[in-house]
Amino acid sequence: MSNKMVTYEVRGQVAVITLNRPDARNAVNDELAQAMEEAIDRLESDDGVWVGVLTANTEGHKSPVFCAGADLKALNAGGQTLGTKRGGFAGFVYRERNKPIIAAVDGLATAGGCEIVLAADMVIATTRSSFGLAEVKRNLIAGAGGLFRLPRAIGRAAAMEVILTGDPLLAERAYQLGLVNHIVEPGEALNAAIALGEKIATSAPMAVAASRRVVLAAAYESDENLIKMTNAEFAPILKSEDTKEGLVAFIEKRAPQWKGR
């Protein structure tokens, strides 16, 4: 693809889509969101590809980060939506599609990064991976599906703790709770995800697509109302003084001073 923030590579009947902003911990800005949408368009239109794998470039990371979520510097500067009309956040989280996508996570997936993982169909994670919704620490809420997808994935009580504390869920615990399909050693997530994708690709693609649609219909029946509720709750928070303070504190690398307004 021409946009290097997201790369697209075909390996047999599996397409590898890579978040490629390692210098920004693969945080989502408008450009990355548009590139992701283009990658999903390509996956969906490629008749020779039946499964997608979503991974991230963590080159240069002392502690690898799959995706840190929204680019808070871009958000604080204003004028960016960090999403697309069809896909929502990152051009992905609400995107309708027919082909299954496996997230290959080797490192931290937090905030919007975790919501990207939750929008995938399956997850391969390494032992050093973790998953979190840290928005409450910046007076934000997980506005890209995390508030209703995480409870569906791991149960209400466990999800409530993750969401209200903002603390990450370690890979082993995520596996025990059902968020993660398989745990592998560091550096092996991509290969394991491709192997799973190749196994799925041996099944009839029409049956795979139809089965996936039924599974999702059962699991996400009331998404429309939940999206509306999330948006309604999020709008006044975005306009608050504490949101500005949370973003500035993040940029200045200091503890925020909350005012509750």
C-alpha atoms as a PDB file:
ATOM      1  CA  MET A   1       0.000   0.000   0.000  1.00  0.00           C
ATOM      2  CA  SER A   2       1.115   3.579  -0.637  1.00  0.00           C
ATOM      3  CA  ASN A   3       0.379   4.695   2.929  1.00  0.00           C
ATOM      4  CA  LYS A   4       3.158   3.336   5.124  1.00  0.00           C
ATOM      5  CA  MET A   5       1.327   3.845   8.420  1.00  0.00           C
ATOM      6  CA  VAL A   6      -0.416   0.553   7.668  1.00  0.00           C
ATOM      7  CA  THR A   7       1.189  -2.100   5.486  1.00  0.00           C
ATOM      8  CA  TYR A   8      -0.521  -4.953   3.646  1.00  0.00           C
ATOM      9  CA  GLU A   9       1.175  -8.199   2.661  1.00  0.00           C
ATOM     10  CA  VAL A  10      -0.349 -11.351   1.196  1.00  0.00           C
ATOM     11  CA  ARG A  11       0.958 -14.706   2.383  1.00  0.00           C
ATOM     12  CA  GLY A  12      -0.929 -17.385   0.520  1.00  0.00           C
ATOM     13  CA  GLN A  13      -4.587 -17.007   1.453  1.00  0.00           C
ATOM     14  CA  VAL A  14      -3.791 -14.863   4.496  1.00  0.00           C
ATOM     15  CA  ALA A  15      -3.293 -11.088   4.410  1.00  0.00           C
ATOM     16  CA  VAL A  16      -1.051  -9.532   7.066  1.00  0.00           C
ATOM     17  CA  ILE A  17      -2.097  -5.994   8.001  1.00  0.00           C
ATOM     18  CA  THR A  18       0.480  -4.167  10.118  1.00  0.00           C
ATOM     19  CA  LEU A  19       0.111  -1.013  12.176  1.00  0.00           C
ATOM     20  CA  ASN A  20       3.296   0.833  11.298  1.00  0.00           C
ATOM     21  CA  ARG A  21       3.798   3.836  13.592  1.00  0.00           C
ATOM     22  CA  PRO A  22       6.336   2.339  15.996  1.00  0.00           C
ATOM     23  CA  ASP A  23       7.774   5.774  16.840  1.00  0.00           C
ATOM     24  CA  ALA A  24       4.326   6.777  18.189  1.00  0.00           C
ATOM     25  CA  ARG A  25       3.594   3.411  19.832  1.00  0.00           C
ATOM     26  CA  ASN A  26       1.251   2.742  16.895  1.00  0.00           C
ATOM     27  CA  ALA A  27      -1.181   5.363  18.191  1.00  0.00           C
ATOM     28  CA  VAL A  28      -4.107   6.179  15.913  1.00  0.00           C
ATOM     29  CA  ASN A  29      -4.319   9.475  14.041  1.00  0.00           C
ATOM     30  CA  ASP A  30      -6.430  10.349  10.995  1.00  0.00           C
ATOM     31  CA  GLU A  31      -3.817   9.124   8.561  1.00  0.00           C
ATOM     32  CA  LEU A  32      -3.511   5.722  10.198  1.00  0.00           C
ATOM     33  CA  ALA A  33      -7.313   5.375  10.363  1.00  0.00           C
ATOM     34  CA  GLN A  34      -7.649   6.077   6.651  1.00  0.00           C
ATOM     35  CA  ALA A  35      -4.834   3.635   5.874  1.00  0.00           C
ATOM     36  CA  MET A  36      -6.523   0.946   7.967  1.00  0.00           C
ATOM     37  CA  GLU A  37      -9.790   1.431   6.114  1.00  0.00           C
ATOM     38  CA  GLU A  38      -7.943   1.049   2.808  1.00  0.00           C
ATOM     39  CA  ALA A  39      -6.316  -2.151   4.084  1.00  0.00           C
ATOM     40  CA  ILE A  40      -9.682  -3.639   5.072  1.00  0.00           C
ATOM     41  CA  ASP A  41     -11.101  -2.626   1.673  1.00  0.00           C
ATOM     42  CA  ARG A  42      -8.263  -4.500   0.038  1.00  0.00           C
ATOM     43  CA  LEU A  43      -8.754  -7.560   2.242  1.00  0.00           C
ATOM     44  CA  GLU A  44     -12.462  -7.664   1.488  1.00  0.00           C
ATOM     45  CA  SER A  45     -12.002  -7.247  -2.273  1.00  0.00           C
ATOM     46  CA  ASP A  46      -9.133  -9.723  -2.713  1.00  0.00           C
ATOM     47  CA  ASP A  47     -10.734 -12.962  -3.902  1.00  0.00           C
ATOM     48  CA  GLY A  48      -7.547 -14.916  -3.241  1.00  0.00           C
ATOM     49  CA  VAL A  49      -7.392 -13.945   0.439  1.00  0.00           C
ATOM     50  CA  TRP A  50      -9.792 -15.488   2.930  1.00  0.00           C
ATOM     51  CA  VAL A  51      -8.407 -14.452   6.337  1.00  0.00           C
ATOM     52  CA  GLY A  52      -6.717 -11.354   7.725  1.00  0.00           C
ATOM     53  CA  VAL A  53      -4.088 -11.066  10.458  1.00  0.00           C
ATOM     54  CA  LEU A  54      -3.702  -7.731  12.227  1.00  0.00           C
ATOM     55  CA  THR A  55      -0.329  -7.099  13.859  1.00  0.00           C
ATOM     56  CA  ALA A  56       1.911  -4.163  14.755  1.00  0.00           C
ATOM     57  CA  ASN A  57       5.471  -3.010  14.207  1.00  0.00           C
ATOM     58  CA  THR A  58       7.112  -2.669  17.639  1.00  0.00           C
ATOM     59  CA  GLU A  59      10.646  -2.073  16.391  1.00  0.00           C
ATOM     60  CA  GLY A  60      12.623   0.101  18.790  1.00  0.00           C
ATOM     61  CA  HIS A  61      10.210  -0.382  21.697  1.00  0.00           C
ATOM     62  CA  LYS A  62      11.898  -1.110  25.037  1.00  0.00           C
ATOM     63  CA  SER A  63       8.568  -2.566  26.134  1.00  0.00           C
ATOM     64  CA  PRO A  64       6.573  -3.477  23.010  1.00  0.00           C
ATOM     65  CA  VAL A  65       3.261  -1.706  22.417  1.00  0.00           C
ATOM     66  CA  PHE A  66       0.812  -3.197  19.933  1.00  0.00           C
ATOM     67  CA  CYS A  67      -1.209   0.014  19.997  1.00  0.00           C
ATOM     68  CA  ALA A  68      -1.472   2.803  22.567  1.00  0.00           C
ATOM     69  CA  GLY A  69      -4.900   3.833  21.278  1.00  0.00           C
ATOM     70  CA  ALA A  70      -5.731   7.365  20.243  1.00  0.00           C
ATOM     71  CA  ASP A  71      -2.904   9.747  19.448  1.00  0.00           C
ATOM     72  CA  LEU A  72      -3.562  12.097  22.372  1.00  0.00           C
ATOM     73  CA  LYS A  73      -1.298  14.788  20.979  1.00  0.00           C
ATOM     74  CA  ALA A  74      -3.333  14.822  17.768  1.00  0.00           C
ATOM     75  CA  LEU A  75      -6.567  14.750  19.770  1.00  0.00           C
ATOM     76  CA  ASN A  76      -5.441  17.631  21.986  1.00  0.00           C
ATOM     77  CA  ALA A  77      -4.424  19.691  18.955  1.00  0.00           C
ATOM     78  CA  GLY A  78      -7.968  19.361  17.588  1.00  0.00           C
ATOM     79  CA  GLY A  79      -9.284  18.885  14.085  1.00  0.00           C
ATOM     80  CA  GLN A  80      -8.845  15.101  13.980  1.00  0.00           C
ATOM     81  CA  THR A  81     -11.545  12.450  14.301  1.00  0.00           C
ATOM     82  CA  LEU A  82      -9.132   9.485  14.524  1.00  0.00           C
ATOM     83  CA  GLY A  83     -11.592   7.415  12.535  1.00  0.00           C
ATOM     84  CA  THR A  84     -13.608   7.026   9.370  1.00  0.00           C
ATOM     85  CA  LYS A  85     -17.318   7.154   8.584  1.00  0.00           C
ATOM     86  CA  ARG A  86     -17.518   3.455   7.698  1.00  0.00           C
ATOM     87  CA  GLY A  87     -15.125   2.048  10.256  1.00  0.00           C
ATOM     88  CA  GLY A  88     -15.329   4.328  13.253  1.00  0.00           C
ATOM     89  CA  PHE A  89     -12.200   4.607  15.389  1.00  0.00           C
ATOM     90  CA  ALA A  90      -9.041   3.542  13.548  1.00  0.00           C
ATOM     91  CA  GLY A  91     -11.162   2.873  10.464  1.00  0.00           C
ATOM     92  CA  PHE A  92     -11.819  -0.549  11.980  1.00  0.00           C
ATOM     93  CA  VAL A  93     -13.788  -0.963  15.202  1.00  0.00           C
ATOM     94  CA  TYR A  94     -17.290  -0.676  13.678  1.00  0.00           C
ATOM     95  CA  ARG A  95     -16.395  -1.751  10.171  1.00  0.00           C
ATOM     96  CA  GLU A  96     -18.742  -4.271   8.579  1.00  0.00           C
ATOM     97  CA  ARG A  97     -16.791  -7.024   6.847  1.00  0.00           C
ATOM     98  CA  ASN A  98     -17.117 -10.636   5.747  1.00  0.00           C
ATOM     99  CA  LYS A  99     -13.655 -12.073   6.346  1.00  0.00           C
ATOM    100  CA  PRO A 100     -12.351 -13.072   9.786  1.00  0.00           C
ATOM    101  CA  ILE A 101      -9.434 -11.164  11.265  1.00  0.00           C
ATOM    102  CA  ILE A 102      -7.015 -12.520  13.855  1.00  0.00           C
ATOM    103  CA  ALA A 103      -5.187 -10.023  16.084  1.00  0.00           C
ATOM    104  CA  ALA A 104      -1.552 -10.994  16.666  1.00  0.00           C
ATOM    105  CA  VAL A 105      -0.559  -9.118  19.816  1.00  0.00           C
ATOM    106  CA  ASP A 106       2.986  -8.985  21.168  1.00  0.00           C
ATOM    107  CA  GLY A 107       2.988  -6.285  23.835  1.00  0.00           C
ATOM    108  CA  LEU A 108       0.561  -3.806  25.331  1.00  0.00           C
ATOM    109  CA  ALA A 109      -2.815  -3.125  23.708  1.00  0.00           C
ATOM    110  CA  THR A 110      -4.353  -0.295  25.684  1.00  0.00           C
ATOM    111  CA  ALA A 111      -7.292   2.090  25.389  1.00  0.00           C
ATOM    112  CA  GLY A 112      -8.238   2.284  21.695  1.00  0.00           C
ATOM    113  CA  GLY A 113      -5.579  -0.326  21.006  1.00  0.00           C
ATOM    114  CA  CYS A 114      -7.491  -2.788  23.155  1.00  0.00           C
ATOM    115  CA  GLU A 115     -10.704  -1.789  21.387  1.00  0.00           C
ATOM    116  CA  ILE A 116      -9.068  -2.602  18.058  1.00  0.00           C
ATOM    117  CA  VAL A 117      -8.241  -6.065  19.428  1.00  0.00           C
ATOM    118  CA  LEU A 118     -11.799  -6.489  20.695  1.00  0.00           C
ATOM    119  CA  ALA A 119     -13.097  -5.710  17.191  1.00  0.00           C
ATOM    120  CA  ALA A 120     -11.068  -8.586  15.749  1.00  0.00           C
ATOM    121  CA  ASP A 121     -12.511 -12.098  15.646  1.00  0.00           C
ATOM    122  CA  MET A 122      -9.726 -14.022  17.388  1.00  0.00           C
ATOM    123  CA  VAL A 123      -6.598 -13.135  19.357  1.00  0.00           C
ATOM    124  CA  ILE A 124      -3.142 -14.664  19.548  1.00  0.00           C
ATOM    125  CA  ALA A 125      -1.051 -13.094  22.312  1.00  0.00           C
ATOM    126  CA  THR A 126       2.453 -13.522  23.654  1.00  0.00           C
ATOM    127  CA  THR A 127       3.295 -14.056  27.309  1.00  0.00           C
ATOM    128  CA  ARG A 128       4.428 -10.420  27.578  1.00  0.00           C
ATOM    129  CA  SER A 129       1.161  -9.005  26.222  1.00  0.00           C
ATOM    130  CA  SER A 130      -1.527  -7.182  28.175  1.00  0.00           C
ATOM    131  CA  PHE A 131      -4.883  -5.564  27.456  1.00  0.00           C
ATOM    132  CA  GLY A 132      -6.342  -2.485  29.092  1.00  0.00           C
ATOM    133  CA  LEU A 133      -8.903   0.287  28.863  1.00  0.00           C
ATOM    134  CA  ALA A 134      -7.059   3.136  30.559  1.00  0.00           C
ATOM    135  CA  GLU A 135      -9.425   5.940  29.546  1.00  0.00           C
ATOM    136  CA  VAL A 136     -10.698   6.639  33.077  1.00  0.00           C
ATOM    137  CA  LYS A 137      -7.178   7.724  34.021  1.00  0.00           C
ATOM    138  CA  ARG A 138      -7.564  10.666  31.576  1.00  0.00           C
ATOM    139  CA  ASN A 139     -11.231  11.420  32.281  1.00  0.00           C
ATOM    140  CA  LEU A 140     -12.278   9.696  29.067  1.00  0.00           C
ATOM    141  CA  ILE A 141     -14.356   6.594  28.442  1.00  0.00           C
ATOM    142  CA  ALA A 142     -13.718   3.758  26.039  1.00  0.00           C
ATOM    143  CA  GLY A 143     -15.811   5.167  23.214  1.00  0.00           C
ATOM    144  CA  ALA A 144     -14.906   2.665  20.493  1.00  0.00           C
ATOM    145  CA  GLY A 145     -16.804  -0.380  21.695  1.00  0.00           C
ATOM    146  CA  GLY A 146     -14.724  -1.446  24.672  1.00  0.00           C
ATOM    147  CA  LEU A 147     -17.415  -0.773  27.275  1.00  0.00           C
ATOM    148  CA  PHE A 148     -19.714  -3.393  25.795  1.00  0.00           C
ATOM    149  CA  ARG A 149     -17.329  -5.704  23.946  1.00  0.00           C
ATOM    150  CA  LEU A 150     -15.006  -6.394  26.887  1.00  0.00           C
ATOM    151  CA  PRO A 151     -17.831  -7.601  29.194  1.00  0.00           C
ATOM    152  CA  ARG A 152     -19.026  -9.889  26.409  1.00  0.00           C
ATOM    153  CA  ALA A 153     -15.510 -11.266  26.015  1.00  0.00           C
ATOM    154  CA  ILE A 154     -14.511 -11.810  29.666  1.00  0.00           C
ATOM    155  CA  GLY A 155     -17.669 -11.373  31.753  1.00  0.00           C
ATOM    156  CA  ARG A 156     -19.174  -8.394  33.549  1.00  0.00           C
ATOM    157  CA  ALA A 157     -17.318  -8.520  36.866  1.00  0.00           C
ATOM    158  CA  ALA A 158     -13.844  -8.930  35.393  1.00  0.00           C
ATOM    159  CA  ALA A 159     -14.516  -6.305  32.748  1.00  0.00           C
ATOM    160  CA  MET A 160     -15.855  -3.848  35.333  1.00  0.00           C
ATOM    161  CA  GLU A 161     -12.584  -4.073  37.257  1.00  0.00           C
ATOM    162  CA  VAL A 162     -10.480  -3.545  34.127  1.00  0.00           C
ATOM    163  CA  ILE A 163     -12.622  -0.616  32.971  1.00  0.00           C
ATOM    164  CA  LEU A 164     -12.985   1.216  36.316  1.00  0.00           C
ATOM    165  CA  THR A 165      -9.361   0.847  37.443  1.00  0.00           C
ATOM    166  CA  GLY A 166      -7.785   1.352  34.033  1.00  0.00           C
ATOM    167  CA  ASP A 167      -5.263  -1.366  34.933  1.00  0.00           C
ATOM    168  CA  PRO A 168      -4.190  -3.801  32.190  1.00  0.00           C
ATOM    169  CA  LEU A 169      -5.206  -7.443  32.030  1.00  0.00           C
ATOM    170  CA  LEU A 170      -2.180  -9.717  31.679  1.00  0.00           C
ATOM    171  CA  ALA A 171      -2.087 -12.242  28.842  1.00  0.00           C
ATOM    172  CA  GLU A 172      -2.491 -15.346  30.999  1.00  0.00           C
ATOM    173  CA  ARG A 173      -5.538 -13.920  32.750  1.00  0.00           C
ATOM    174  CA  ALA A 174      -6.967 -12.752  29.413  1.00  0.00           C
ATOM    175  CA  TYR A 175      -6.556 -16.298  28.134  1.00  0.00           C
ATOM    176  CA  GLN A 176      -8.269 -17.770  31.210  1.00  0.00           C
ATOM    177  CA  LEU A 177     -11.199 -15.397  30.776  1.00  0.00           C
ATOM    178  CA  GLY A 178     -11.639 -16.149  27.073  1.00  0.00           C
ATOM    179  CA  LEU A 179     -10.333 -12.994  25.405  1.00  0.00           C
ATOM    180  CA  VAL A 180      -7.264 -14.754  23.982  1.00  0.00           C
ATOM    181  CA  ASN A 181      -7.345 -17.927  21.866  1.00  0.00           C
ATOM    182  CA  HIS A 182      -3.714 -18.975  22.278  1.00  0.00           C
ATOM    183  CA  ILE A 183      -0.655 -17.747  24.184  1.00  0.00           C
ATOM    184  CA  VAL A 184       2.788 -18.053  22.598  1.00  0.00           C
ATOM    185  CA  GLU A 185       6.323 -16.953  23.369  1.00  0.00           C
ATOM    186  CA  PRO A 186       7.477 -13.376  22.621  1.00  0.00           C
ATOM    187  CA  GLY A 187       8.055 -12.826  18.929  1.00  0.00           C
ATOM    188  CA  GLU A 188       5.848 -15.752  17.892  1.00  0.00           C
ATOM    189  CA  ALA A 189       2.396 -14.136  17.750  1.00  0.00           C
ATOM    190  CA  LEU A 190       2.479 -13.327  14.043  1.00  0.00           C
ATOM    191  CA  ASN A 191       3.593 -16.801  12.980  1.00  0.00           C
ATOM    192  CA  ALA A 192       0.971 -18.419  15.207  1.00  0.00           C
ATOM    193  CA  ALA A 193      -1.762 -16.135  13.871  1.00  0.00           C
ATOM    194  CA  ILE A 194      -0.791 -16.862  10.275  1.00  0.00           C
ATOM    195  CA  ALA A 195      -0.857 -20.596  11.054  1.00  0.00           C
ATOM    196  CA  LEU A 196      -4.367 -20.251  12.486  1.00  0.00           C
ATOM    197  CA  GLY A 197      -5.391 -18.191   9.475  1.00  0.00           C
ATOM    198  CA  GLU A 198      -4.076 -20.850   7.128  1.00  0.00           C
ATOM    199  CA  LYS A 199      -6.050 -23.483   9.019  1.00  0.00           C
ATOM    200  CA  ILE A 200      -9.237 -21.409   8.720  1.00  0.00           C
ATOM    201  CA  ALA A 201      -8.502 -20.878   5.017  1.00  0.00           C
ATOM    202  CA  THR A 202      -8.723 -24.616   4.490  1.00  0.00           C
ATOM    203  CA  SER A 203     -12.423 -24.384   5.363  1.00  0.00           C
ATOM    204  CA  ALA A 204     -15.031 -23.353   2.813  1.00  0.00           C
ATOM    205  CA  PRO A 205     -14.912 -19.546   2.618  1.00  0.00           C
ATOM    206  CA  MET A 206     -18.655 -19.104   2.095  1.00  0.00           C
ATOM    207  CA  ALA A 207     -19.380 -21.279   5.131  1.00  0.00           C
ATOM    208  CA  VAL A 208     -16.768 -19.414   7.180  1.00  0.00           C
ATOM    209  CA  ALA A 209     -18.318 -16.059   6.272  1.00  0.00           C
ATOM    210  CA  ALA A 210     -21.866 -17.249   6.943  1.00  0.00           C
ATOM    211  CA  SER A 211     -20.927 -18.874  10.254  1.00  0.00           C
ATOM    212  CA  ARG A 212     -19.096 -15.733  11.356  1.00  0.00           C
ATOM    213  CA  ARG A 213     -22.141 -13.581  10.597  1.00  0.00           C
ATOM    214  CA  VAL A 214     -24.419 -15.773  12.702  1.00  0.00           C
ATOM    215  CA  VAL A 215     -21.978 -15.855  15.628  1.00  0.00           C
ATOM    216  CA  LEU A 216     -21.663 -12.070  15.563  1.00  0.00           C
ATOM    217  CA  ALA A 217     -25.408 -11.552  15.230  1.00  0.00           C
ATOM    218  CA  ALA A 218     -25.921 -13.570  18.409  1.00  0.00           C
ATOM    219  CA  ALA A 219     -23.172 -11.786  20.322  1.00  0.00           C
ATOM    220  CA  TYR A 220     -23.752  -8.225  19.151  1.00  0.00           C
ATOM    221  CA  GLU A 221     -27.504  -8.048  18.744  1.00  0.00           C
ATOM    222  CA  SER A 222     -27.972  -4.717  20.560  1.00  0.00           C
ATOM    223  CA  ASP A 223     -24.840  -2.887  19.372  1.00  0.00           C
ATOM    224  CA  GLU A 224     -26.799  -0.054  17.749  1.00  0.00           C
ATOM    225  CA  ASN A 225     -28.353   1.055  21.035  1.00  0.00           C
ATOM    226  CA  LEU A 226     -25.093   0.603  22.907  1.00  0.00           C
ATOM    227  CA  ILE A 227     -23.201   2.719  20.356  1.00  0.00           C
ATOM    228  CA  LYS A 228     -25.797   5.480  20.785  1.00  0.00           C
ATOM    229  CA  MET A 229     -25.494   5.271  24.560  1.00  0.00           C
ATOM    230  CA  THR A 230     -21.702   5.377  24.417  1.00  0.00           C
ATOM    231  CA  ASN A 231     -21.766   8.423  22.149  1.00  0.00           C
ATOM    232  CA  ALA A 232     -24.297  10.208  24.371  1.00  0.00           C
ATOM    233  CA  GLU A 233     -22.153   9.622  27.452  1.00  0.00           C
ATOM    234  CA  PHE A 234     -18.942  10.579  25.660  1.00  0.00           C
ATOM    235  CA  ALA A 235     -20.025  13.935  24.193  1.00  0.00           C
ATOM    236  CA  PRO A 236     -20.171  16.002  27.422  1.00  0.00           C
ATOM    237  CA  ILE A 237     -17.007  14.349  28.769  1.00  0.00           C
ATOM    238  CA  LEU A 238     -15.022  15.423  25.720  1.00  0.00           C
ATOM    239  CA  LYS A 239     -16.028  19.049  26.352  1.00  0.00           C
ATOM    240  CA  SER A 240     -15.078  19.036  30.046  1.00  0.00           C
ATOM    241  CA  GLU A 241     -12.178  20.807  31.739  1.00  0.00           C
ATOM    242  CA  ASP A 242     -10.864  17.507  33.068  1.00  0.00           C
ATOM    243  CA  THR A 243     -10.461  16.069  29.566  1.00  0.00           C
ATOM    244  CA  LYS A 244      -8.251  19.002  28.596  1.00  0.00           C
ATOM    245  CA  GLU A 245      -6.307  18.572  31.827  1.00  0.00           C
ATOM    246  CA  GLY A 246      -5.902  14.840  31.268  1.00  0.00           C
ATOM    247  CA  LEU A 247      -4.518  15.327  27.765  1.00  0.00           C
ATOM    248  CA  VAL A 248      -2.149  18.116  28.797  1.00  0.00           C
ATOM    249  CA  ALA A 249      -0.931  16.119  31.807  1.00  0.00           C
ATOM    250  CA  PHE A 250      -0.207  13.160  29.545  1.00  0.00           C
ATOM    251  CA  ILE A 251       1.815  15.332  27.176  1.00  0.00           C
ATOM    252  CA  GLU A 252       3.680  16.986  30.086  1.00  0.00           C
ATOM    253  CA  LYS A 253       4.293  13.590  31.736  1.00  0.00           C
ATOM    254  CA  ARG A 254       2.746  14.562  35.074  1.00  0.00           C
ATOM    255  CA  ALA A 255      -0.143  13.442  37.240  1.00  0.00           C
ATOM    256  CA  PRO A 256      -3.426  15.140  36.248  1.00  0.00           C
ATOM    257  CA  GLN A 257      -5.224  17.423  38.686  1.00  0.00           C
ATOM    258  CA  TRP A 258      -8.918  16.533  38.431  1.00  0.00           C
ATOM    259  CA  LYS A 259     -11.672  19.100  39.045  1.00  0.00           C
ATOM    260  CA  GLY A 260     -14.699  16.940  38.400  1.00  0.00           C
ATOM    261  CA  ARG A 261     -16.035  19.281  35.728  1.00  0.00           C
END
